[in-house]
PDB file of N, CA and C in Angstrom:
ATOM      1  N   UNK A   1       4.203   7.735  43.850  1.00  0.00           N
ATOM      2  CA  UNK A   1       4.900   8.743  43.529  1.00  0.00           C
ATOM      3  C   UNK A   1       4.280   9.965  42.654  1.00  0.00           C
ATOM      4  N   UNK A   2       4.108  10.877  42.953  1.00  0.00           N
ATOM      5  CA  UNK A   2       3.433  11.961  42.177  1.00  0.00           C
ATOM      6  C   UNK A   2       4.159  12.433  40.910  1.00  0.00           C
ATOM      7  N   UNK A   3       3.785  12.337  39.700  1.00  0.00           N
ATOM      8  CA  UNK A   3       4.336  12.746  38.530  1.00  0.00           C
ATOM      9  C   UNK A   3       4.152  13.443  37.793  1.00  0.00           C
ATOM     10  N   UNK A   4       4.224  14.273  36.519  1.00  0.00           N
ATOM     11  CA  UNK A   4       3.846  15.463  36.032  1.00  0.00           C
ATOM     12  C   UNK A   4       4.519  15.043  34.702  1.00  0.00           C
ATOM     13  N   UNK A   5       3.601  15.236  33.404  1.00  0.00           N
ATOM     14  CA  UNK A   5       3.568  14.728  32.275  1.00  0.00           C
ATOM     15  C   UNK A   5       3.713  15.955  31.726  1.00  0.00           C
ATOM     16  N   UNK A   6       4.982  15.768  30.600  1.00  0.00           N
ATOM     17  CA  UNK A   6       5.304  17.092  29.600  1.00  0.00           C
ATOM     18  C   UNK A   6       6.028  17.047  28.430  1.00  0.00           C
ATOM     19  N   UNK A   7       5.134  17.421  27.285  1.00  0.00           N
ATOM     20  CA  UNK A   7       6.017  16.913  26.354  1.00  0.00           C
ATOM     21  C   UNK A   7       6.191  15.129  25.878  1.00  0.00           C
ATOM     22  N   UNK A   8       5.441  14.307  26.373  1.00  0.00           N
ATOM     23  CA  UNK A   8       5.736  13.130  26.213  1.00  0.00           C
ATOM     24  C   UNK A   8       6.665  12.471  27.320  1.00  0.00           C
ATOM     25  N   UNK A   9       6.925  13.128  28.456  1.00  0.00           N
ATOM     26  CA  UNK A   9       8.090  13.042  29.437  1.00  0.00           C
ATOM     27  C   UNK A   9       7.391  12.738  30.708  1.00  0.00           C
ATOM     28  N   UNK A  10       7.622  12.122  31.642  1.00  0.00           N
ATOM     29  CA  UNK A  10       6.901  12.311  32.915  1.00  0.00           C
ATOM     30  C   UNK A  10       8.275  12.730  33.930  1.00  0.00           C
ATOM     31  N   UNK A  11       7.684  13.298  34.801  1.00  0.00           N
ATOM     32  CA  UNK A  11       8.976  13.877  35.668  1.00  0.00           C
ATOM     33  C   UNK A  11       8.318  13.790  36.944  1.00  0.00           C
ATOM     34  N   UNK A  12       9.185  13.927  37.874  1.00  0.00           N
ATOM     35  CA  UNK A  12       8.848  13.522  39.555  1.00  0.00           C
ATOM     36  C   UNK A  12       9.975  14.537  40.365  1.00  0.00           C
ATOM     37  N   UNK A  13       9.481  15.823  40.907  1.00  0.00           N
ATOM     38  CA  UNK A  13      10.371  16.199  41.571  1.00  0.00           C
ATOM     39  C   UNK A  13      10.757  16.161  42.794  1.00  0.00           C
ATOM     40  N   UNK A  14      11.767  15.953  43.459  1.00  0.00           N
ATOM     41  CA  UNK A  14      12.378  15.257  44.863  1.00  0.00           C
ATOM     42  C   UNK A  14      13.066  16.495  45.443  1.00  0.00           C
ATOM     43  N   UNK A  15      12.876  16.558  46.637  1.00  0.00           N
ATOM     44  CA  UNK A  15      13.157  17.768  47.665  1.00  0.00           C
ATOM     45  C   UNK A  15      14.127  16.793  48.570  1.00  0.00           C
ATOM     46  N   UNK A  16      15.268  17.207  48.678  1.00  0.00           N
ATOM     47  CA  UNK A  16      16.563  17.112  49.638  1.00  0.00           C
ATOM     48  C   UNK A  16      16.865  17.723  50.473  1.00  0.00           C
ATOM     49  N   UNK A  17      16.279  17.739  51.877  1.00  0.00           N
ATOM     50  CA  UNK A  17      16.619  18.521  52.964  1.00  0.00           C
ATOM     51  C   UNK A  17      18.129  18.707  53.352  1.00  0.00           C
ATOM     52  N   UNK A  18      18.597  19.777  53.571  1.00  0.00           N
ATOM     53  CA  UNK A  18      19.698  20.152  53.743  1.00  0.00           C
ATOM     54  C   UNK A  18      20.116  20.242  55.268  1.00  0.00           C
ATOM     55  N   UNK A  19      18.763  20.596  56.330  1.00  0.00           N
ATOM     56  CA  UNK A  19      18.701  20.425  57.492  1.00  0.00           C
ATOM     57  C   UNK A  19      17.525  19.793  58.311  1.00  0.00           C
ATOM     58  N   UNK A  20      17.701  20.125  59.687  1.00  0.00           N
ATOM     59  CA  UNK A  20      16.503  19.412  60.196  1.00  0.00           C
ATOM     60  C   UNK A  20      15.501  20.577  60.410  1.00  0.00           C
ATOM     61  N   UNK A  21      16.038  21.416  60.551  1.00  0.00           N
ATOM     62  CA  UNK A  21      14.464  22.221  60.409  1.00  0.00           C
ATOM     63  C   UNK A  21      13.806  22.040  59.003  1.00  0.00           C
ATOM     64  N   UNK A  22      14.569  21.972  57.376  1.00  0.00           N
ATOM     65  CA  UNK A  22      14.102  22.030  56.472  1.00  0.00           C
ATOM     66  C   UNK A  22      13.170  20.349  56.564  1.00  0.00           C
ATOM     67  N   UNK A  23      14.021  18.736  56.873  1.00  0.00           N
ATOM     68  CA  UNK A  23      13.255  17.823  57.027  1.00  0.00           C
ATOM     69  C   UNK A  23      11.711  18.429  57.763  1.00  0.00           C
ATOM     70  N   UNK A  24      11.930  19.001  59.029  1.00  0.00           N
ATOM     71  CA  UNK A  24      10.679  19.154  59.508  1.00  0.00           C
ATOM     72  C   UNK A  24       9.642  19.653  59.037  1.00  0.00           C
ATOM     73  N   UNK A  25      10.079  21.019  58.166  1.00  0.00           N
ATOM     74  CA  UNK A  25       9.024  21.512  57.383  1.00  0.00           C
ATOM     75  C   UNK A  25       8.519  20.609  56.274  1.00  0.00           C
ATOM     76  N   UNK A  26       9.314  19.905  55.726  1.00  0.00           N
ATOM     77  CA  UNK A  26       8.902  19.481  54.589  1.00  0.00           C
ATOM     78  C   UNK A  26       7.527  18.224  55.034  1.00  0.00           C
ATOM     79  N   UNK A  27       8.484  17.717  56.497  1.00  0.00           N
ATOM     80  CA  UNK A  27       7.753  15.764  56.456  1.00  0.00           C
ATOM     81  C   UNK A  27       6.108  16.641  56.573  1.00  0.00           C
ATOM     82  N   UNK A  28       5.964  18.345  57.707  1.00  0.00           N
ATOM     83  CA  UNK A  28       4.621  18.769  58.255  1.00  0.00           C
ATOM     84  C   UNK A  28       3.856  19.115  56.907  1.00  0.00           C
ATOM     85  N   UNK A  29       4.456  18.941  55.930  1.00  0.00           N
ATOM     86  CA  UNK A  29       3.489  19.017  55.026  1.00  0.00           C
ATOM     87  C   UNK A  29       2.436  17.475  54.041  1.00  0.00           C
ATOM     88  N   UNK A  30       3.142  16.923  55.103  1.00  0.00           N
ATOM     89  CA  UNK A  30       2.645  15.293  54.745  1.00  0.00           C
ATOM     90  C   UNK A  30       2.840  14.904  53.421  1.00  0.00           C
ATOM     91  N   UNK A  31       4.168  15.198  52.916  1.00  0.00           N
ATOM     92  CA  UNK A  31       4.774  14.214  51.353  1.00  0.00           C
ATOM     93  C   UNK A  31       5.274  13.445  52.005  1.00  0.00           C
ATOM     94  N   UNK A  32       5.114  12.732  50.478  1.00  0.00           N
ATOM     95  CA  UNK A  32       5.662  11.300  50.676  1.00  0.00           C
ATOM     96  C   UNK A  32       7.179  11.261  50.659  1.00  0.00           C
ATOM     97  N   UNK A  33       7.835  10.248  51.085  1.00  0.00           N
ATOM     98  CA  UNK A  33       9.483  10.606  51.351  1.00  0.00           C
ATOM     99  C   UNK A  33       9.995   8.740  51.524  1.00  0.00           C
ATOM    100  N   UNK A  34      11.324   9.020  50.998  1.00  0.00           N
ATOM    101  CA  UNK A  34      11.988   7.881  51.167  1.00  0.00           C
ATOM    102  C   UNK A  34      13.654   7.608  50.138  1.00  0.00           C
ATOM    103  N   UNK A  35      14.091   6.911  50.412  1.00  0.00           N
ATOM    104  CA  UNK A  35      15.742   6.929  49.722  1.00  0.00           C
ATOM    105  C   UNK A  35      15.506   6.907  48.337  1.00  0.00           C
ATOM    106  N   UNK A  36      16.114   7.414  47.529  1.00  0.00           N
ATOM    107  CA  UNK A  36      16.387   7.175  46.093  1.00  0.00           C
ATOM    108  C   UNK A  36      17.573   7.373  45.596  1.00  0.00           C
ATOM    109  N   UNK A  37      17.941   6.311  44.910  1.00  0.00           N
ATOM    110  CA  UNK A  37      19.603   5.992  44.181  1.00  0.00           C
ATOM    111  C   UNK A  37      19.307   6.975  43.228  1.00  0.00           C
ATOM    112  N   UNK A  38      20.342   7.611  43.244  1.00  0.00           N
ATOM    113  CA  UNK A  38      20.712   8.791  42.286  1.00  0.00           C
ATOM    114  C   UNK A  38      21.552   8.521  41.045  1.00  0.00           C
ATOM    115  N   UNK A  39      21.486   9.945  40.543  1.00  0.00           N
ATOM    116  CA  UNK A  39      22.509   9.244  38.915  1.00  0.00           C
ATOM    117  C   UNK A  39      23.963   9.381  39.357  1.00  0.00           C
ATOM    118  N   UNK A  40      24.768  10.280  40.954  1.00  0.00           N
ATOM    119  CA  UNK A  40      25.719   9.838  40.671  1.00  0.00           C
ATOM    120  C   UNK A  40      26.145   8.778  41.742  1.00  0.00           C
ATOM    121  N   UNK A  41      25.160   7.869  41.598  1.00  0.00           N
ATOM    122  CA  UNK A  41      25.541   6.365  42.559  1.00  0.00           C
ATOM    123  C   UNK A  41      25.528   6.798  44.214  1.00  0.00           C
ATOM    124  N   UNK A  42      24.407   7.861  44.798  1.00  0.00           N
ATOM    125  CA  UNK A  42      24.742   8.030  46.266  1.00  0.00           C
ATOM    126  C   UNK A  42      23.456   7.484  46.230  1.00  0.00           C
ATOM    127  N   UNK A  43      22.677   7.435  47.563  1.00  0.00           N
ATOM    128  CA  UNK A  43      21.206   7.316  47.850  1.00  0.00           C
ATOM    129  C   UNK A  43      21.203   8.417  48.879  1.00  0.00           C
ATOM    130  N   UNK A  44      19.895   9.117  48.574  1.00  0.00           N
ATOM    131  CA  UNK A  44      19.394  10.193  49.682  1.00  0.00           C
ATOM    132  C   UNK A  44      17.924   9.851  49.586  1.00  0.00           C
ATOM    133  N   UNK A  45      17.881  10.530  51.021  1.00  0.00           N
ATOM    134  CA  UNK A  45      16.397  10.405  51.476  1.00  0.00           C
ATOM    135  C   UNK A  45      15.906  11.982  51.291  1.00  0.00           C
ATOM    136  N   UNK A  46      14.604  11.527  50.265  1.00  0.00           N
ATOM    137  CA  UNK A  46      14.146  12.720  49.973  1.00  0.00           C
ATOM    138  C   UNK A  46      12.517  12.641  49.871  1.00  0.00           C
ATOM    139  N   UNK A  47      12.024  13.875  49.934  1.00  0.00           N
ATOM    140  CA  UNK A  47      10.569  14.228  49.927  1.00  0.00           C
ATOM    141  C   UNK A  47      10.071  14.402  48.308  1.00  0.00           C
ATOM    142  N   UNK A  48       8.523  13.767  47.990  1.00  0.00           N
ATOM    143  CA  UNK A  48       8.473  13.958  46.261  1.00  0.00           C
ATOM    144  C   UNK A  48       7.588  14.784  47.021  1.00  0.00           C
ATOM    145  N   UNK A  49       7.527  16.019  45.621  1.00  0.00           N
ATOM    146  CA  UNK A  49       7.134  17.212  45.810  1.00  0.00           C
ATOM    147  C   UNK A  49       5.770  16.651  44.545  1.00  0.00           C
ATOM    148  N   UNK A  50       4.706  17.173  45.155  1.00  0.00           N
ATOM    149  CA  UNK A  50       3.467  16.908  44.416  1.00  0.00           C
ATOM    150  C   UNK A  50       3.496  17.614  42.988  1.00  0.00           C
ATOM    151  N   UNK A  51       3.999  18.252  42.514  1.00  0.00           N
ATOM    152  CA  UNK A  51       3.921  19.123  41.517  1.00  0.00           C
ATOM    153  C   UNK A  51       5.054  20.234  40.947  1.00  0.00           C
ATOM    154  N   UNK A  52       5.498  20.656  40.155  1.00  0.00           N
ATOM    155  CA  UNK A  52       6.098  21.950  39.746  1.00  0.00           C
ATOM    156  C   UNK A  52       6.090  22.746  40.448  1.00  0.00           C
ATOM    157  N   UNK A  53       4.637  23.200  40.592  1.00  0.00           N
ATOM    158  CA  UNK A  53       4.397  24.612  41.215  1.00  0.00           C
ATOM    159  C   UNK A  53       4.824  24.305  42.649  1.00  0.00           C
ATOM    160  N   UNK A  54       4.642  23.089  43.454  1.00  0.00           N
ATOM    161  CA  UNK A  54       5.210  22.775  44.943  1.00  0.00           C
ATOM    162  C   UNK A  54       6.614  23.415  45.121  1.00  0.00           C
ATOM    163  N   UNK A  55       7.245  22.980  44.332  1.00  0.00           N
ATOM    164  CA  UNK A  55       8.580  23.249  43.937  1.00  0.00           C
ATOM    165  C   UNK A  55       9.020  25.007  43.964  1.00  0.00           C
ATOM    166  N   UNK A  56       8.243  25.636  43.168  1.00  0.00           N
ATOM    167  CA  UNK A  56       8.453  26.892  42.878  1.00  0.00           C
ATOM    168  C   UNK A  56       7.905  27.552  44.036  1.00  0.00           C
ATOM    169  N   UNK A  57       6.957  27.144  44.876  1.00  0.00           N
ATOM    170  CA  UNK A  57       6.568  27.528  46.156  1.00  0.00           C
ATOM    171  C   UNK A  57       7.602  27.597  46.934  1.00  0.00           C
ATOM    172  N   UNK A  58       8.263  26.744  47.309  1.00  0.00           N
ATOM    173  CA  UNK A  58       9.439  26.287  47.809  1.00  0.00           C
ATOM    174  C   UNK A  58      10.448  27.423  47.723  1.00  0.00           C
ATOM    175  N   UNK A  59      10.518  27.641  46.597  1.00  0.00           N
ATOM    176  CA  UNK A  59      11.808  28.249  45.998  1.00  0.00           C
ATOM    177  C   UNK A  59      11.592  29.541  46.227  1.00  0.00           C
ATOM    178  N   UNK A  60      10.398  30.512  46.460  1.00  0.00           N
ATOM    179  CA  UNK A  60       9.983  31.699  46.459  1.00  0.00           C
ATOM    180  C   UNK A  60       9.985  31.290  48.347  1.00  0.00           C
ATOM    181  N   UNK A  61       9.395  30.625  48.456  1.00  0.00           N
ATOM    182  CA  UNK A  61       9.329  31.087  50.295  1.00  0.00           C
ATOM    183  C   UNK A  61      10.504  30.399  51.084  1.00  0.00           C
ATOM    184  N   UNK A  62      11.475  30.130  50.554  1.00  0.00           N
ATOM    185  CA  UNK A  62      12.738  29.750  51.237  1.00  0.00           C
ATOM    186  C   UNK A  62      13.539  30.481  52.547  1.00  0.00           C
ATOM    187  N   UNK A  63      13.242  31.779  52.155  1.00  0.00           N
ATOM    188  CA  UNK A  63      14.077  32.879  53.250  1.00  0.00           C
ATOM    189  C   UNK A  63      12.689  32.791  54.240  1.00  0.00           C
ATOM    190  N   UNK A  64      11.440  32.894  54.365  1.00  0.00           N
ATOM    191  CA  UNK A  64      10.545  33.102  55.016  1.00  0.00           C
ATOM    192  C   UNK A  64      10.460  32.007  55.705  1.00  0.00           C
ATOM    193  N   UNK A  65      10.514  30.269  54.741  1.00  0.00           N
ATOM    194  CA  UNK A  65      10.661  29.068  55.937  1.00  0.00           C
ATOM    195  C   UNK A  65      11.645  28.488  56.594  1.00  0.00           C
ATOM    196  N   UNK A  66      13.030  29.616  56.112  1.00  0.00           N
ATOM    197  CA  UNK A  66      14.309  29.234  56.373  1.00  0.00           C
ATOM    198  C   UNK A  66      14.452  27.852  55.939  1.00  0.00           C
ATOM    199  N   UNK A  67      14.232  27.622  54.687  1.00  0.00           N
ATOM    200  CA  UNK A  67      14.466  26.431  54.535  1.00  0.00           C
ATOM    201  C   UNK A  67      15.724  26.159  53.383  1.00  0.00           C
ATOM    202  N   UNK A  68      16.451  25.375  53.760  1.00  0.00           N
ATOM    203  CA  UNK A  68      17.501  25.202  53.270  1.00  0.00           C
ATOM    204  C   UNK A  68      17.469  23.677  52.246  1.00  0.00           C
ATOM    205  N   UNK A  69      17.688  23.668  50.980  1.00  0.00           N
ATOM    206  CA  UNK A  69      17.078  22.229  50.308  1.00  0.00           C
ATOM    207  C   UNK A  69      17.553  22.006  48.993  1.00  0.00           C
ATOM    208  N   UNK A  70      17.823  20.852  48.565  1.00  0.00           N
ATOM    209  CA  UNK A  70      18.187  20.853  46.945  1.00  0.00           C
ATOM    210  C   UNK A  70      17.111  20.319  46.242  1.00  0.00           C
ATOM    211  N   UNK A  71      17.024  20.207  44.907  1.00  0.00           N
ATOM    212  CA  UNK A  71      16.018  19.799  44.037  1.00  0.00           C
ATOM    213  C   UNK A  71      16.340  19.132  42.820  1.00  0.00           C
ATOM    214  N   UNK A  72      15.410  17.893  43.137  1.00  0.00           N
ATOM    215  CA  UNK A  72      16.535  16.523  42.222  1.00  0.00           C
ATOM    216  C   UNK A  72      14.998  16.346  41.343  1.00  0.00           C
ATOM    217  N   UNK A  73      15.289  16.025  39.747  1.00  0.00           N
ATOM    218  CA  UNK A  73      14.291  15.800  39.038  1.00  0.00           C
ATOM    219  C   UNK A  73      14.752  14.059  38.512  1.00  0.00           C
ATOM    220  N   UNK A  74      13.648  13.703  38.503  1.00  0.00           N
ATOM    221  CA  UNK A  74      13.790  11.737  37.573  1.00  0.00           C
ATOM    222  C   UNK A  74      12.721  12.066  36.555  1.00  0.00           C
ATOM    223  N   UNK A  75      13.310  11.504  35.828  1.00  0.00           N
ATOM    224  CA  UNK A  75      12.738  11.976  34.242  1.00  0.00           C
ATOM    225  C   UNK A  75      12.375  10.147  33.502  1.00  0.00           C
ATOM    226  N   UNK A  76      11.137   9.757  33.323  1.00  0.00           N
ATOM    227  CA  UNK A  76      10.836   8.752  32.768  1.00  0.00           C
ATOM    228  C   UNK A  76      11.031   8.045  34.108  1.00  0.00           C
ATOM    229  N   UNK A  77      11.791   6.734  33.611  1.00  0.00           N
ATOM    230  CA  UNK A  77      12.320   5.357  34.666  1.00  0.00           C
ATOM    231  C   UNK A  77      13.593   5.861  34.799  1.00  0.00           C
ATOM    232  N   UNK A  78      14.335   7.151  34.086  1.00  0.00           N
ATOM    233  CA  UNK A  78      16.148   7.167  34.978  1.00  0.00           C
ATOM    234  C   UNK A  78      16.142   7.542  36.330  1.00  0.00           C
ATOM    235  N   UNK A  79      17.102   7.688  36.663  1.00  0.00           N
ATOM    236  CA  UNK A  79      17.460   7.454  37.988  1.00  0.00           C
ATOM    237  C   UNK A  79      17.708   9.478  38.858  1.00  0.00           C
ATOM    238  N   UNK A  80      17.135   9.989  39.669  1.00  0.00           N
ATOM    239  CA  UNK A  80      16.779  10.952  39.973  1.00  0.00           C
ATOM    240  C   UNK A  80      18.598  11.609  39.909  1.00  0.00           C
ATOM    241  N   UNK A  81      18.439  13.205  39.717  1.00  0.00           N
ATOM    242  CA  UNK A  81      19.702  13.964  39.395  1.00  0.00           C
ATOM    243  C   UNK A  81      19.336  15.016  39.965  1.00  0.00           C
ATOM    244  N   UNK A  82      20.179  16.025  40.145  1.00  0.00           N
ATOM    245  CA  UNK A  82      20.193  17.513  40.954  1.00  0.00           C
ATOM    246  C   UNK A  82      19.969  17.874  39.797  1.00  0.00           C
ATOM    247  N   UNK A  83      18.909  19.527  39.618  1.00  0.00           N
ATOM    248  CA  UNK A  83      18.578  20.013  39.165  1.00  0.00           C
ATOM    249  C   UNK A  83      18.353  21.093  39.476  1.00  0.00           C
ATOM    250  N   UNK A  84      19.220  22.289  38.718  1.00  0.00           N
ATOM    251  CA  UNK A  84      19.697  23.676  39.736  1.00  0.00           C
ATOM    252  C   UNK A  84      18.336  24.963  39.236  1.00  0.00           C
ATOM    253  N   UNK A  85      17.241  24.299  40.076  1.00  0.00           N
ATOM    254  CA  UNK A  85      15.957  25.270  39.776  1.00  0.00           C
ATOM    255  C   UNK A  85      16.187  26.644  39.482  1.00  0.00           C
ATOM    256  N   UNK A  86      17.342  27.473  40.180  1.00  0.00           N
ATOM    257  CA  UNK A  86      17.589  28.804  40.028  1.00  0.00           C
ATOM    258  C   UNK A  86      17.536  29.005  38.640  1.00  0.00           C
ATOM    259  N   UNK A  87      17.954  27.750  37.774  1.00  0.00           N
ATOM    260  CA  UNK A  87      18.766  28.033  36.213  1.00  0.00           C
ATOM    261  C   UNK A  87      17.540  27.900  35.629  1.00  0.00           C
ATOM    262  N   UNK A  88      16.187  27.170  36.089  1.00  0.00           N
ATOM    263  CA  UNK A  88      15.203  26.948  34.990  1.00  0.00           C
ATOM    264  C   UNK A  88      14.802  28.049  34.957  1.00  0.00           C
ATOM    265  N   UNK A  89      14.513  29.054  36.052  1.00  0.00           N
ATOM    266  CA  UNK A  89      14.307  30.402  35.740  1.00  0.00           C
ATOM    267  C   UNK A  89      15.014  31.413  34.857  1.00  0.00           C
ATOM    268  N   UNK A  90      15.967  31.306  34.779  1.00  0.00           N
ATOM    269  CA  UNK A  90      17.002  32.098  34.232  1.00  0.00           C
ATOM    270  C   UNK A  90      16.977  32.065  32.792  1.00  0.00           C
ATOM    271  N   UNK A  91      16.416  30.507  32.198  1.00  0.00           N
ATOM    272  CA  UNK A  91      16.243  30.243  30.954  1.00  0.00           C
ATOM    273  C   UNK A  91      15.192  30.870  30.133  1.00  0.00           C
ATOM    274  N   UNK A  92      14.423  31.434  30.377  1.00  0.00           N
ATOM    275  CA  UNK A  92      13.227  32.143  29.833  1.00  0.00           C
ATOM    276  C   UNK A  92      13.701  33.606  29.736  1.00  0.00           C
ATOM    277  N   UNK A  93      13.445  34.017  28.172  1.00  0.00           N
ATOM    278  CA  UNK A  93      13.968  35.049  27.992  1.00  0.00           C
ATOM    279  C   UNK A  93      13.422  36.289  29.425  1.00  0.00           C
ATOM    280  N   UNK A  94      13.833  37.358  29.369  1.00  0.00           N
ATOM    281  CA  UNK A  94      12.969  38.631  30.035  1.00  0.00           C
ATOM    282  C   UNK A  94      12.013  39.347  29.199  1.00  0.00           C
ATOM    283  N   UNK A  95      10.849  39.857  29.781  1.00  0.00           N
ATOM    284  CA  UNK A  95      10.346  40.318  29.180  1.00  0.00           C
ATOM    285  C   UNK A  95      10.714  42.026  28.749  1.00  0.00           C
ATOM    286  N   UNK A  96      10.723  42.791  27.874  1.00  0.00           N
ATOM    287  CA  UNK A  96      10.939  43.764  27.032  1.00  0.00           C
ATOM    288  C   UNK A  96       9.709  44.804  27.554  1.00  0.00           C
ATOM    289  N   UNK A  97       9.787  45.913  28.187  1.00  0.00           N
ATOM    290  CA  UNK A  97       8.860  46.854  28.410  1.00  0.00           C
ATOM    291  C   UNK A  97       9.022  47.697  27.171  1.00  0.00           C
ATOM    292  N   UNK A  98       7.543  47.908  26.718  1.00  0.00           N
ATOM    293  CA  UNK A  98       7.563  48.794  25.605  1.00  0.00           C
ATOM    294  C   UNK A  98       7.922  50.489  25.493  1.00  0.00           C
ATOM    295  N   UNK A  99       8.345  50.745  25.185  1.00  0.00           N
ATOM    296  CA  UNK A  99       8.472  52.311  24.614  1.00  0.00           C
ATOM    297  C   UNK A  99       7.727  53.203  25.128  1.00  0.00           C
TER     298      UNK A  99
END
């Protein structure tokens, strides 16, 4: 499983395809996949993203790839949980242009 370390924690990003086309797109990337028991008690088939940048790429290319997916994150040894990737971008303060 691919994981990144940030601030002393390990993060693994997982991608759940919502349709057959997206499943095919992710499978074509050669990503590791499997079933994961999530924090809500449901087992889901998901692909392991190699890193955060890959998830960001997928998010940016969503319309071009015609991909429909959900992002989950696993922190340390905890169960994966849904991660609102779009919300992560909004948490950053907007840049203020100089007058």
